[in-house]
Amino acid sequence: MTSYWLKIKLESDSALGRGDGVAGLVNAEVQHEPSGLPFLGGKTLKGLLTATCGEILYALDQSQALGSWDKVAQSIFGQPGSKRSARGKLHVGGAFLPDDLRQAIAEDIANKQLTREDVLEAITVMRRQTAMDAERGTPLDQTLRTIRVVLRDTIFTARLDFLTTPTDDELALLYACVKGLRRIGTNRNRGMGRVSCLLYSDEAKAMLVDISLENKFKQEVPA
């Protein structure tokens, strides 16, 4: 198994919703650990990378440069709804805050120095929005929603595991997907969820994946 680490920096406040809210408090809550620290689930992150890959393949197909990249993509991500044996060789873990921070927060909560609510409120903020009447330019009745968002500049890290050593083409396409991932979460059409991503070959994030992979992809896919 070969592992890489994906660093995700929030360039804007991001609504990493879990699909439900808290009655009387928030309509859309962020996904968070028992400690209150937010995270992005592995399935969600893989779905985002897969969707980005789909956009890349579509662009290649439109420019008649698809070649064998669709097969490379299937090798990495598999096919939607496929059996376990055809799910692709890439496993995407959840994106979490730094381990030392998570451990320190867990200890403070265990020692009753912090509560889950304290932690959640320290790294998130409530945003309120309402639907507008297009003709009158006024808010529509009973459309006010409260959304919790993770603050900009927060950095998450996810572990990406290849079940077998990736080929140069597989790694190059993954690199392109990472660089192409620009937005995450909900309300992306309202300015939320902008991210910048980097791919590393070691957990300490000291070894950035070689830029030659980007050059290889550009060479293989002529403009």
Protein backbone atom coordinates (compact mmCIF):
# COMPACT_ATOMS: atom_id res chain seq x y z
CA MET A 1 0.00 0.00 0.00
CA THR A 2 1.26 3.48 -0.93
CA SER A 3 0.03 6.50 1.02
CA TYR A 4 -0.21 10.20 0.25
CA TRP A 5 -1.56 13.12 2.24
CA LEU A 6 -3.97 15.72 0.94
CA LYS A 7 -3.80 19.16 2.57
CA ILE A 8 -6.96 21.24 2.24
CA LYS A 9 -6.91 24.91 3.20
CA LEU A 10 -10.20 26.77 3.42
CA GLU A 11 -9.89 30.00 1.45
CA SER A 12 -13.38 31.09 2.49
CA ASP A 13 -15.85 30.12 5.21
CA SER A 14 -17.18 26.66 4.35
CA ALA A 15 -20.43 24.88 5.15
CA LEU A 16 -19.29 21.30 5.72
CA GLY A 17 -22.82 20.17 6.42
CA ARG A 18 -23.76 16.80 7.89
CA GLY A 19 -27.24 16.87 6.36
CA ASP A 20 -29.29 17.97 9.35
CA GLY A 21 -29.55 20.70 11.96
CA VAL A 22 -30.28 21.28 15.63
CA ALA A 23 -33.86 22.28 16.43
CA GLY A 24 -34.13 25.89 17.51
CA LEU A 25 -30.43 26.58 16.93
CA VAL A 26 -29.20 25.88 13.42
CA ASN A 27 -30.75 24.56 10.21
CA ALA A 28 -27.54 23.13 8.80
CA GLU A 29 -24.93 21.85 11.26
CA VAL A 30 -21.33 21.08 10.33
CA GLN A 31 -20.04 17.55 10.54
CA HIS A 32 -17.90 17.31 13.67
CA GLU A 33 -16.22 14.86 15.98
CA PRO A 34 -17.50 14.19 19.52
CA SER A 35 -14.94 16.78 20.66
CA GLY A 36 -16.60 19.45 18.52
CA LEU A 37 -13.81 19.67 15.94
CA PRO A 38 -15.16 19.74 12.36
CA PHE A 39 -14.07 17.27 9.70
CA LEU A 40 -14.89 16.18 6.17
CA GLY A 41 -15.86 12.54 5.70
CA GLY A 42 -13.82 10.25 3.46
CA LYS A 43 -16.77 9.27 1.25
CA THR A 44 -17.64 12.92 0.73
CA LEU A 45 -14.05 13.82 -0.11
CA LYS A 46 -13.71 10.91 -2.54
CA GLY A 47 -16.94 12.01 -4.18
CA LEU A 48 -15.54 15.52 -4.63
CA LEU A 49 -12.33 14.19 -6.17
CA THR A 50 -14.31 11.84 -8.41
CA ALA A 51 -16.53 14.69 -9.56
CA THR A 52 -13.48 16.82 -10.32
CA CYS A 53 -12.03 13.91 -12.27
CA GLY A 54 -15.26 13.70 -14.25
CA GLU A 55 -14.96 17.36 -15.18
CA ILE A 56 -11.37 16.82 -16.32
CA LEU A 57 -12.35 13.80 -18.44
CA TYR A 58 -15.23 15.74 -20.00
CA ALA A 59 -12.88 18.57 -20.94
CA LEU A 60 -10.42 16.09 -22.43
CA ASP A 61 -13.18 14.40 -24.41
CA GLN A 62 -14.41 17.73 -25.77
CA SER A 63 -10.89 18.56 -26.94
CA GLN A 64 -10.42 15.04 -28.39
CA ALA A 65 -7.55 14.37 -25.98
CA LEU A 66 -9.22 11.74 -23.80
CA GLY A 67 -7.01 8.87 -24.92
CA SER A 68 -6.72 6.26 -22.16
CA TRP A 69 -7.34 8.68 -19.29
CA ASP A 70 -10.84 7.31 -18.72
CA LYS A 71 -9.31 3.90 -17.99
CA VAL A 72 -6.79 5.52 -15.68
CA ALA A 73 -9.66 7.21 -13.84
CA GLN A 74 -11.54 3.92 -13.48
CA SER A 75 -8.42 2.31 -12.07
CA ILE A 76 -8.17 5.05 -9.44
CA PHE A 77 -11.78 5.70 -8.50
CA GLY A 78 -13.64 2.67 -9.85
CA GLN A 79 -17.15 2.97 -11.26
CA PRO A 80 -20.22 4.27 -9.39
CA GLY A 81 -22.24 1.40 -7.94
CA SER A 82 -19.57 -1.17 -8.80
CA LYS A 83 -18.84 -4.25 -6.76
CA ARG A 84 -16.08 -4.21 -4.17
CA SER A 85 -13.62 -5.79 -6.62
CA ALA A 86 -14.11 -2.89 -9.05
CA ARG A 87 -14.19 0.09 -6.71
CA GLY A 88 -10.80 1.40 -7.68
CA LYS A 89 -7.45 1.19 -5.97
CA LEU A 90 -7.69 4.52 -4.09
CA HIS A 91 -9.07 4.68 -0.55
CA VAL A 92 -9.77 8.21 0.72
CA GLY A 93 -9.77 8.83 4.45
CA GLY A 94 -11.53 11.63 6.25
CA ALA A 95 -10.02 15.12 6.35
CA PHE A 96 -9.24 16.12 9.93
CA LEU A 97 -7.54 18.91 11.83
CA PRO A 98 -3.94 18.29 13.04
CA ASP A 99 -3.53 15.26 15.31
CA ASP A 100 -1.74 17.20 18.05
CA LEU A 101 -4.63 19.67 18.23
CA ARG A 102 -7.19 16.86 18.32
CA GLN A 103 -5.32 15.14 21.12
CA ALA A 104 -4.95 18.35 23.15
CA ILE A 105 -8.64 19.17 22.76
CA ALA A 106 -9.64 15.64 23.77
CA GLU A 107 -7.52 15.92 26.93
CA ASP A 108 -9.00 19.32 27.83
CA ILE A 109 -12.51 17.95 27.41
CA ALA A 110 -11.67 14.89 29.51
CA ASN A 111 -10.33 17.22 32.22
CA LYS A 112 -13.50 19.34 31.94
CA GLN A 113 -11.52 22.41 30.91
CA LEU A 114 -13.49 22.65 27.67
CA THR A 115 -16.84 21.46 26.38
CA ARG A 116 -17.78 20.28 22.92
CA GLU A 117 -19.77 23.48 22.47
CA ASP A 118 -16.74 25.61 23.40
CA VAL A 119 -14.64 23.89 20.75
CA LEU A 120 -17.30 24.04 18.06
CA GLU A 121 -17.97 27.74 18.62
CA ALA A 122 -14.25 28.58 18.57
CA ILE A 123 -13.68 27.34 15.03
CA THR A 124 -17.09 27.96 13.45
CA VAL A 125 -19.56 30.81 13.11
CA MET A 126 -23.25 31.11 12.31
CA ARG A 127 -24.30 32.59 8.98
CA ARG A 128 -27.89 33.57 8.24
CA GLN A 129 -29.45 33.84 4.81
CA THR A 130 -32.89 34.23 3.32
CA ALA A 131 -34.51 33.82 -0.07
CA MET A 132 -35.36 37.05 -1.87
CA ASP A 133 -38.44 38.07 -3.81
CA ALA A 134 -36.98 38.72 -7.29
CA GLU A 135 -39.65 41.26 -8.20
CA ARG A 136 -39.82 43.24 -4.97
CA GLY A 137 -36.23 42.79 -3.84
CA THR A 138 -37.41 41.94 -0.33
CA PRO A 139 -36.90 38.80 1.80
CA LEU A 140 -39.52 36.09 1.42
CA ASP A 141 -41.45 35.20 4.54
CA GLN A 142 -40.30 32.20 6.59
CA THR A 143 -37.18 31.56 4.50
CA LEU A 144 -34.56 32.61 7.06
CA ARG A 145 -32.01 29.82 7.53
CA THR A 146 -29.10 29.60 9.93
CA ILE A 147 -26.03 27.73 8.72
CA ARG A 148 -22.91 26.92 10.71
CA VAL A 149 -19.70 27.34 8.74
CA VAL A 150 -16.05 26.53 9.40
CA LEU A 151 -13.86 29.64 9.40
CA ARG A 152 -11.49 30.42 6.55
CA ASP A 153 -7.78 29.54 6.88
CA THR A 154 -8.65 26.29 8.66
CA ILE A 155 -6.46 23.45 7.38
CA PHE A 156 -7.52 19.80 7.12
CA THR A 157 -5.43 16.78 6.16
CA ALA A 158 -6.67 13.53 4.63
CA ARG A 159 -4.78 10.31 4.02
CA LEU A 160 -5.05 8.75 0.56
CA ASP A 161 -4.09 5.08 0.27
CA PHE A 162 -3.42 3.25 -2.99
CA LEU A 163 -3.95 -0.49 -2.54
CA THR A 164 -1.11 -1.06 -5.01
CA THR A 165 1.69 1.24 -6.13
CA PRO A 166 0.17 3.82 -8.50
CA THR A 167 1.47 4.21 -12.02
CA ASP A 168 2.85 7.53 -13.17
CA ASP A 169 -0.37 8.16 -15.10
CA GLU A 170 -2.54 7.38 -12.07
CA LEU A 171 -0.54 9.69 -9.85
CA ALA A 172 -0.52 12.41 -12.50
CA LEU A 173 -4.31 12.27 -12.86
CA LEU A 174 -4.79 12.27 -9.08
CA TYR A 175 -2.52 15.31 -8.90
CA ALA A 176 -4.66 17.05 -11.53
CA CYS A 177 -7.81 16.22 -9.54
CA VAL A 178 -6.29 17.62 -6.35
CA LYS A 179 -5.27 20.83 -8.11
CA GLY A 180 -8.68 21.03 -9.75
CA LEU A 181 -10.63 20.73 -6.49
CA ARG A 182 -11.61 24.34 -5.81
CA ARG A 183 -14.82 24.18 -3.76
CA ILE A 184 -16.27 21.90 -1.09
CA GLY A 185 -19.37 21.82 1.10
CA THR A 186 -22.76 23.38 0.46
CA ASN A 187 -23.69 26.90 -0.69
CA ARG A 188 -20.78 26.88 -3.10
CA ASN A 189 -22.69 29.20 -5.42
CA ARG A 190 -22.87 31.79 -2.61
CA GLY A 191 -19.14 32.27 -2.21
CA MET A 192 -18.60 29.57 0.40
CA GLY A 193 -16.32 26.57 0.29
CA ARG A 194 -13.35 27.88 -1.69
CA VAL A 195 -10.28 25.74 -1.04
CA SER A 196 -6.70 25.26 -2.18
CA CYS A 197 -5.25 21.75 -2.09
CA LEU A 198 -1.78 20.22 -2.10
CA LEU A 199 -0.65 16.60 -2.32
CA TYR A 200 2.22 15.30 -0.20
CA SER A 201 4.09 12.01 -0.19
CA ASP A 202 4.82 11.98 3.55
CA GLU A 203 2.73 12.50 6.67
CA ALA A 204 4.88 15.39 7.92
CA LYS A 205 3.97 17.22 4.69
CA ALA A 206 7.61 17.97 4.02
CA MET A 207 7.71 16.28 0.61
CA LEU A 208 5.36 17.91 -1.86
CA VAL A 209 4.43 15.55 -4.67
CA ASP A 210 6.73 16.32 -7.60
CA ILE A 211 5.56 19.17 -9.82
CA SER A 212 6.78 17.08 -12.76
CA LEU A 213 3.49 15.18 -12.43
CA GLU A 214 1.64 18.31 -13.47
CA ASN A 215 4.06 18.78 -16.34
CA LYS A 216 3.57 15.15 -17.36
CA PHE A 217 -0.19 15.59 -17.41
CA LYS A 218 0.12 18.75 -19.50
CA GLN A 219 2.46 16.99 -21.93
CA GLU A 220 0.17 13.98 -22.22
CA VAL A 221 -2.82 16.25 -22.78
CA PRO A 222 -1.93 18.84 -25.42
CA ALA A 223 -3.82 22.13 -25.24
